[in-house]
Amino acid sequence: MQTIQKIALALTIIGALNWGLVGLFSFNLVEALFGVDTLFTRVVYTFVGLAGIINVGLLLTPFEHTSKK
């Protein structure tokens, strides 16, 4: 997996965890850390969104099976 895809996957996981917190506890960690409707909050959301788009490539890539002999 390429470095960019690994970074994108990490950002996607962070975004998913944030949405989980919002859904379960009505707590937005990104806004709690960086403020509501601040530039940095919008940048974080933008990067998470771009990461999700990059990870679409993972859906289109076949899995490689590795077998130990």
PDB file of N, CA and C in Angstrom:
ATOM      1  N   MET A   1       0.852  -1.177   0.000  1.00  0.00           N
ATOM      2  CA  MET A   1       0.000   0.000   0.000  1.00  0.00           C
ATOM      3  C   MET A   1       0.892   1.233   0.000  1.00  0.00           C
ATOM      4  N   GLN A   2       0.553   2.181  -0.807  1.00  0.00           N
ATOM      5  CA  GLN A   2       1.360   3.384  -0.918  1.00  0.00           C
ATOM      6  C   GLN A   2       1.203   4.255   0.327  1.00  0.00           C
ATOM      7  N   THR A   3       2.191   5.101   0.542  1.00  0.00           N
ATOM      8  CA  THR A   3       2.189   5.976   1.708  1.00  0.00           C
ATOM      9  C   THR A   3       0.972   6.895   1.721  1.00  0.00           C
ATOM     10  N   ILE A   4       0.615   7.442   0.568  1.00  0.00           N
ATOM     11  CA  ILE A   4      -0.547   8.342   0.507  1.00  0.00           C
ATOM     12  C   ILE A   4      -1.818   7.591   0.885  1.00  0.00           C
ATOM     13  N   GLN A   5      -1.944   6.353   0.434  1.00  0.00           N
ATOM     14  CA  GLN A   5      -3.123   5.569   0.785  1.00  0.00           C
ATOM     15  C   GLN A   5      -3.166   5.259   2.274  1.00  0.00           C
ATOM     16  N   LYS A   6      -2.023   5.023   2.877  1.00  0.00           N
ATOM     17  CA  LYS A   6      -1.983   4.766   4.320  1.00  0.00           C
ATOM     18  C   LYS A   6      -2.392   6.008   5.105  1.00  0.00           C
ATOM     19  N   ILE A   7      -1.906   7.159   4.680  1.00  0.00           N
ATOM     20  CA  ILE A   7      -2.299   8.414   5.338  1.00  0.00           C
ATOM     21  C   ILE A   7      -3.789   8.650   5.149  1.00  0.00           C
ATOM     22  N   ALA A   8      -4.277   8.413   3.925  1.00  0.00           N
ATOM     23  CA  ALA A   8      -5.706   8.587   3.646  1.00  0.00           C
ATOM     24  C   ALA A   8      -6.545   7.635   4.485  1.00  0.00           C
ATOM     25  N   LEU A   9      -6.084   6.405   4.642  1.00  0.00           N
ATOM     26  CA  LEU A   9      -6.813   5.443   5.448  1.00  0.00           C
ATOM     27  C   LEU A   9      -6.857   5.884   6.910  1.00  0.00           C
ATOM     28  N   ALA A  10      -5.741   6.389   7.423  1.00  0.00           N
ATOM     29  CA  ALA A  10      -5.703   6.878   8.804  1.00  0.00           C
ATOM     30  C   ALA A  10      -6.681   8.042   8.994  1.00  0.00           C
ATOM     31  N   LEU A  11      -6.706   8.970   8.042  1.00  0.00           N
ATOM     32  CA  LEU A  11      -7.644  10.100   8.137  1.00  0.00           C
ATOM     33  C   LEU A  11      -9.091   9.639   8.045  1.00  0.00           C
ATOM     34  N   THR A  12      -9.350   8.647   7.210  1.00  0.00           N
ATOM     35  CA  THR A  12     -10.702   8.116   7.089  1.00  0.00           C
ATOM     36  C   THR A  12     -11.138   7.458   8.395  1.00  0.00           C
ATOM     37  N   ILE A  13     -10.239   6.746   9.037  1.00  0.00           N
ATOM     38  CA  ILE A  13     -10.552   6.121  10.324  1.00  0.00           C
ATOM     39  C   ILE A  13     -10.825   7.189  11.377  1.00  0.00           C
ATOM     40  N   ILE A  14     -10.020   8.246  11.388  1.00  0.00           N
ATOM     41  CA  ILE A  14     -10.252   9.342  12.331  1.00  0.00           C
ATOM     42  C   ILE A  14     -11.629   9.961  12.095  1.00  0.00           C
ATOM     43  N   GLY A  15     -11.980  10.165  10.817  1.00  0.00           N
ATOM     44  CA  GLY A  15     -13.293  10.709  10.496  1.00  0.00           C
ATOM     45  C   GLY A  15     -14.414   9.784  10.938  1.00  0.00           C
ATOM     46  N   ALA A  16     -14.226   8.495  10.739  1.00  0.00           N
ATOM     47  CA  ALA A  16     -15.242   7.527  11.150  1.00  0.00           C
ATOM     48  C   ALA A  16     -15.413   7.523  12.667  1.00  0.00           C
ATOM     49  N   LEU A  17     -14.311   7.597  13.384  1.00  0.00           N
ATOM     50  CA  LEU A  17     -14.399   7.656  14.851  1.00  0.00           C
ATOM     51  C   LEU A  17     -15.116   8.924  15.301  1.00  0.00           C
ATOM     52  N   ASN A  18     -14.838  10.040  14.643  1.00  0.00           N
ATOM     53  CA  ASN A  18     -15.518  11.287  14.987  1.00  0.00           C
ATOM     54  C   ASN A  18     -17.023  11.164  14.744  1.00  0.00           C
ATOM     55  N   TRP A  19     -17.416  10.568  13.600  1.00  0.00           N
ATOM     56  CA  TRP A  19     -18.841  10.392  13.321  1.00  0.00           C
ATOM     57  C   TRP A  19     -19.471   9.428  14.308  1.00  0.00           C
ATOM     58  N   GLY A  20     -18.730   8.435  14.738  1.00  0.00           N
ATOM     59  CA  GLY A  20     -19.237   7.519  15.765  1.00  0.00           C
ATOM     60  C   GLY A  20     -19.519   8.245  17.065  1.00  0.00           C
ATOM     61  N   LEU A  21     -18.606   9.139  17.440  1.00  0.00           N
ATOM     62  CA  LEU A  21     -18.824   9.942  18.658  1.00  0.00           C
ATOM     63  C   LEU A  21     -20.032  10.853  18.507  1.00  0.00           C
ATOM     64  N   VAL A  22     -20.195  11.434  17.324  1.00  0.00           N
ATOM     65  CA  VAL A  22     -21.350  12.300  17.073  1.00  0.00           C
ATOM     66  C   VAL A  22     -22.639  11.483  17.172  1.00  0.00           C
ATOM     67  N   GLY A  23     -22.648  10.318  16.565  1.00  0.00           N
ATOM     68  CA  GLY A  23     -23.848   9.487  16.567  1.00  0.00           C
ATOM     69  C   GLY A  23     -24.207   8.934  17.935  1.00  0.00           C
ATOM     70  N   LEU A  24     -23.212   8.508  18.682  1.00  0.00           N
ATOM     71  CA  LEU A  24     -23.479   7.880  19.972  1.00  0.00           C
ATOM     72  C   LEU A  24     -23.672   8.885  21.107  1.00  0.00           C
ATOM     73  N   PHE A  25     -22.877   9.944  21.090  1.00  0.00           N
ATOM     74  CA  PHE A  25     -22.859  10.842  22.248  1.00  0.00           C
ATOM     75  C   PHE A  25     -23.127  12.303  21.906  1.00  0.00           C
ATOM     76  N   SER A  26     -23.436  12.604  20.662  1.00  0.00           N
ATOM     77  CA  SER A  26     -23.604  13.993  20.205  1.00  0.00           C
ATOM     78  C   SER A  26     -22.391  14.840  20.584  1.00  0.00           C
ATOM     79  N   PHE A  27     -21.219  14.249  20.432  1.00  0.00           N
ATOM     80  CA  PHE A  27     -19.961  14.921  20.768  1.00  0.00           C
ATOM     81  C   PHE A  27     -19.069  14.939  19.537  1.00  0.00           C
ATOM     82  N   ASN A  28     -18.736  16.129  19.062  1.00  0.00           N
ATOM     83  CA  ASN A  28     -17.875  16.288  17.891  1.00  0.00           C
ATOM     84  C   ASN A  28     -16.469  16.611  18.382  1.00  0.00           C
ATOM     85  N   LEU A  29     -15.574  15.641  18.295  1.00  0.00           N
ATOM     86  CA  LEU A  29     -14.215  15.799  18.804  1.00  0.00           C
ATOM     87  C   LEU A  29     -13.435  16.858  18.038  1.00  0.00           C
ATOM     88  N   VAL A  30     -13.624  16.925  16.724  1.00  0.00           N
ATOM     89  CA  VAL A  30     -12.903  17.907  15.915  1.00  0.00           C
ATOM     90  C   VAL A  30     -13.273  19.322  16.355  1.00  0.00           C
ATOM     91  N   GLU A  31     -14.574  19.569  16.531  1.00  0.00           N
ATOM     92  CA  GLU A  31     -15.005  20.892  16.971  1.00  0.00           C
ATOM     93  C   GLU A  31     -14.590  21.162  18.403  1.00  0.00           C
ATOM     94  N   ALA A  32     -14.536  20.133  19.241  1.00  0.00           N
ATOM     95  CA  ALA A  32     -14.097  20.320  20.621  1.00  0.00           C
ATOM     96  C   ALA A  32     -12.616  20.705  20.679  1.00  0.00           C
ATOM     97  N   LEU A  33     -11.828  20.150  19.764  1.00  0.00           N
ATOM     98  CA  LEU A  33     -10.395  20.433  19.760  1.00  0.00           C
ATOM     99  C   LEU A  33     -10.052  21.762  19.080  1.00  0.00           C
ATOM    100  N   PHE A  34     -10.744  22.060  17.979  1.00  0.00           N
ATOM    101  CA  PHE A  34     -10.323  23.187  17.144  1.00  0.00           C
ATOM    102  C   PHE A  34     -11.338  24.317  17.047  1.00  0.00           C
ATOM    103  N   GLY A  35     -12.500  24.146  17.655  1.00  0.00           N
ATOM    104  CA  GLY A  35     -13.510  25.194  17.645  1.00  0.00           C
ATOM    105  C   GLY A  35     -14.564  24.945  16.584  1.00  0.00           C
ATOM    106  N   VAL A  36     -15.714  25.567  16.800  1.00  0.00           N
ATOM    107  CA  VAL A  36     -16.835  25.415  15.879  1.00  0.00           C
ATOM    108  C   VAL A  36     -16.659  26.391  14.725  1.00  0.00           C
ATOM    109  N   ASP A  37     -16.723  25.883  13.512  1.00  0.00           N
ATOM    110  CA  ASP A  37     -16.665  26.681  12.286  1.00  0.00           C
ATOM    111  C   ASP A  37     -15.409  27.546  12.182  1.00  0.00           C
ATOM    112  N   THR A  38     -14.272  26.989  12.598  1.00  0.00           N
ATOM    113  CA  THR A  38     -12.998  27.680  12.424  1.00  0.00           C
ATOM    114  C   THR A  38     -12.341  27.198  11.137  1.00  0.00           C
ATOM    115  N   LEU A  39     -11.356  27.927  10.696  1.00  0.00           N
ATOM    116  CA  LEU A  39     -10.643  27.549   9.479  1.00  0.00           C
ATOM    117  C   LEU A  39      -9.995  26.181   9.633  1.00  0.00           C
ATOM    118  N   PHE A  40      -9.369  25.927  10.781  1.00  0.00           N
ATOM    119  CA  PHE A  40      -8.673  24.650  10.960  1.00  0.00           C
ATOM    120  C   PHE A  40      -9.657  23.486  10.987  1.00  0.00           C
ATOM    121  N   THR A  41     -10.824  23.679  11.577  1.00  0.00           N
ATOM    122  CA  THR A  41     -11.847  22.636  11.582  1.00  0.00           C
ATOM    123  C   THR A  41     -12.267  22.314  10.153  1.00  0.00           C
ATOM    124  N   ARG A  42     -12.459  23.349   9.340  1.00  0.00           N
ATOM    125  CA  ARG A  42     -12.839  23.129   7.945  1.00  0.00           C
ATOM    126  C   ARG A  42     -11.724  22.432   7.178  1.00  0.00           C
ATOM    127  N   VAL A  43     -10.478  22.740   7.486  1.00  0.00           N
ATOM    128  CA  VAL A  43      -9.347  22.077   6.834  1.00  0.00           C
ATOM    129  C   VAL A  43      -9.323  20.592   7.201  1.00  0.00           C
ATOM    130  N   VAL A  44      -9.545  20.285   8.479  1.00  0.00           N
ATOM    131  CA  VAL A  44      -9.583  18.885   8.910  1.00  0.00           C
ATOM    132  C   VAL A  44     -10.687  18.138   8.175  1.00  0.00           C
ATOM    133  N   TYR A  45     -11.886  18.714   8.121  1.00  0.00           N
ATOM    134  CA  TYR A  45     -12.997  18.071   7.415  1.00  0.00           C
ATOM    135  C   TYR A  45     -12.675  17.881   5.935  1.00  0.00           C
ATOM    136  N   THR A  46     -12.016  18.855   5.331  1.00  0.00           N
ATOM    137  CA  THR A  46     -11.649  18.761   3.917  1.00  0.00           C
ATOM    138  C   THR A  46     -10.667  17.623   3.685  1.00  0.00           C
ATOM    139  N   PHE A  47      -9.654  17.510   4.540  1.00  0.00           N
ATOM    140  CA  PHE A  47      -8.679  16.427   4.391  1.00  0.00           C
ATOM    141  C   PHE A  47      -9.318  15.063   4.598  1.00  0.00           C
ATOM    142  N   VAL A  48     -10.230  14.959   5.552  1.00  0.00           N
ATOM    143  CA  VAL A  48     -10.914  13.686   5.782  1.00  0.00           C
ATOM    144  C   VAL A  48     -11.765  13.329   4.565  1.00  0.00           C
ATOM    145  N   GLY A  49     -12.439  14.319   3.989  1.00  0.00           N
ATOM    146  CA  GLY A  49     -13.232  14.076   2.787  1.00  0.00           C
ATOM    147  C   GLY A  49     -12.378  13.638   1.603  1.00  0.00           C
ATOM    148  N   LEU A  50     -11.247  14.312   1.405  1.00  0.00           N
ATOM    149  CA  LEU A  50     -10.329  13.924   0.330  1.00  0.00           C
ATOM    150  C   LEU A  50      -9.771  12.521   0.559  1.00  0.00           C
ATOM    151  N   ALA A  51      -9.519  12.196   1.817  1.00  0.00           N
ATOM    152  CA  ALA A  51      -9.017  10.862   2.152  1.00  0.00           C
ATOM    153  C   ALA A  51     -10.041   9.802   1.782  1.00  0.00           C
ATOM    154  N   GLY A  52     -11.301  10.096   2.027  1.00  0.00           N
ATOM    155  CA  GLY A  52     -12.353   9.153   1.638  1.00  0.00           C
ATOM    156  C   GLY A  52     -12.382   8.934   0.143  1.00  0.00           C
ATOM    157  N   ILE A  53     -12.194   9.993  -0.624  1.00  0.00           N
ATOM    158  CA  ILE A  53     -12.171   9.873  -2.083  1.00  0.00           C
ATOM    159  C   ILE A  53     -10.969   9.048  -2.539  1.00  0.00           C
ATOM    160  N   ILE A  54      -9.824   9.281  -1.924  1.00  0.00           N
ATOM    161  CA  ILE A  54      -8.627   8.505  -2.261  1.00  0.00           C
ATOM    162  C   ILE A  54      -8.848   7.024  -1.957  1.00  0.00           C
ATOM    163  N   ASN A  55      -9.546   6.736  -0.869  1.00  0.00           N
ATOM    164  CA  ASN A  55      -9.754   5.341  -0.470  1.00  0.00           C
ATOM    165  C   ASN A  55     -10.751   4.607  -1.358  1.00  0.00           C
ATOM    166  N   VAL A  56     -11.451   5.311  -2.227  1.00  0.00           N
ATOM    167  CA  VAL A  56     -12.308   4.632  -3.195  1.00  0.00           C
ATOM    168  C   VAL A  56     -11.455   3.689  -4.046  1.00  0.00           C
ATOM    169  N   GLY A  57     -10.208   4.072  -4.272  1.00  0.00           N
ATOM    170  CA  GLY A  57      -9.294   3.217  -5.025  1.00  0.00           C
ATOM    171  C   GLY A  57      -9.087   1.860  -4.375  1.00  0.00           C
ATOM    172  N   LEU A  58      -9.185   1.792  -3.055  1.00  0.00           N
ATOM    173  CA  LEU A  58      -9.043   0.504  -2.372  1.00  0.00           C
ATOM    174  C   LEU A  58     -10.192  -0.432  -2.713  1.00  0.00           C
ATOM    175  N   LEU A  59     -11.359   0.128  -2.966  1.00  0.00           N
ATOM    176  CA  LEU A  59     -12.502  -0.709  -3.347  1.00  0.00           C
ATOM    177  C   LEU A  59     -12.328  -1.306  -4.735  1.00  0.00           C
ATOM    178  N   LEU A  60     -11.598  -0.618  -5.577  1.00  0.00           N
ATOM    179  CA  LEU A  60     -11.436  -1.055  -6.956  1.00  0.00           C
ATOM    180  C   LEU A  60     -10.213  -1.932  -7.161  1.00  0.00           C
ATOM    181  N   THR A  61      -9.391  -2.073  -6.132  1.00  0.00           N
ATOM    182  CA  THR A  61      -8.173  -2.870  -6.228  1.00  0.00           C
ATOM    183  C   THR A  61      -8.433  -4.270  -5.679  1.00  0.00           C
ATOM    184  N   PRO A  62      -8.138  -5.302  -6.470  1.00  0.00           N
ATOM    185  CA  PRO A  62      -8.347  -6.668  -5.961  1.00  0.00           C
ATOM    186  C   PRO A  62      -7.368  -6.986  -4.832  1.00  0.00           C
ATOM    187  N   PHE A  63      -7.841  -7.796  -3.900  1.00  0.00           N
ATOM    188  CA  PHE A  63      -6.982  -8.211  -2.792  1.00  0.00           C
ATOM    189  C   PHE A  63      -5.937  -9.190  -3.294  1.00  0.00           C
ATOM    190  N   GLU A  64      -4.739  -9.058  -2.755  1.00  0.00           N
ATOM    191  CA  GLU A  64      -3.675  -9.994  -3.090  1.00  0.00           C
ATOM    192  C   GLU A  64      -3.621 -11.061  -1.994  1.00  0.00           C
ATOM    193  N   HIS A  65      -3.719 -12.295  -2.384  1.00  0.00           N
ATOM    194  CA  HIS A  65      -3.659 -13.377  -1.427  1.00  0.00           C
ATOM    195  C   HIS A  65      -2.205 -13.783  -1.231  1.00  0.00           C
ATOM    196  N   THR A  66      -1.780 -13.801  -0.011  1.00  0.00           N
ATOM    197  CA  THR A  66      -0.431 -14.268   0.296  1.00  0.00           C
ATOM    198  C   THR A  66      -0.545 -15.572   1.070  1.00  0.00           C
ATOM    199  N   SER A  67       0.073 -16.558   0.567  1.00  0.00           N
ATOM    200  CA  SER A  67       0.053 -17.842   1.248  1.00  0.00           C
ATOM    201  C   SER A  67       1.466 -18.204   1.660  1.00  0.00           C
ATOM    202  N   LYS A  68       1.556 -18.735   2.855  1.00  0.00           N
ATOM    203  CA  LYS A  68       2.872 -19.160   3.357  1.00  0.00           C
ATOM    204  C   LYS A  68       3.077 -20.618   2.994  1.00  0.00           C
ATOM    205  N   LYS A  69       4.226 -20.869   2.414  1.00  0.00           N
ATOM    206  CA  LYS A  69       4.536 -22.247   2.001  1.00  0.00           C
ATOM    207  C   LYS A  69       5.588 -22.829   2.888  1.00  0.00           C
TER     208      LYS A  69
END
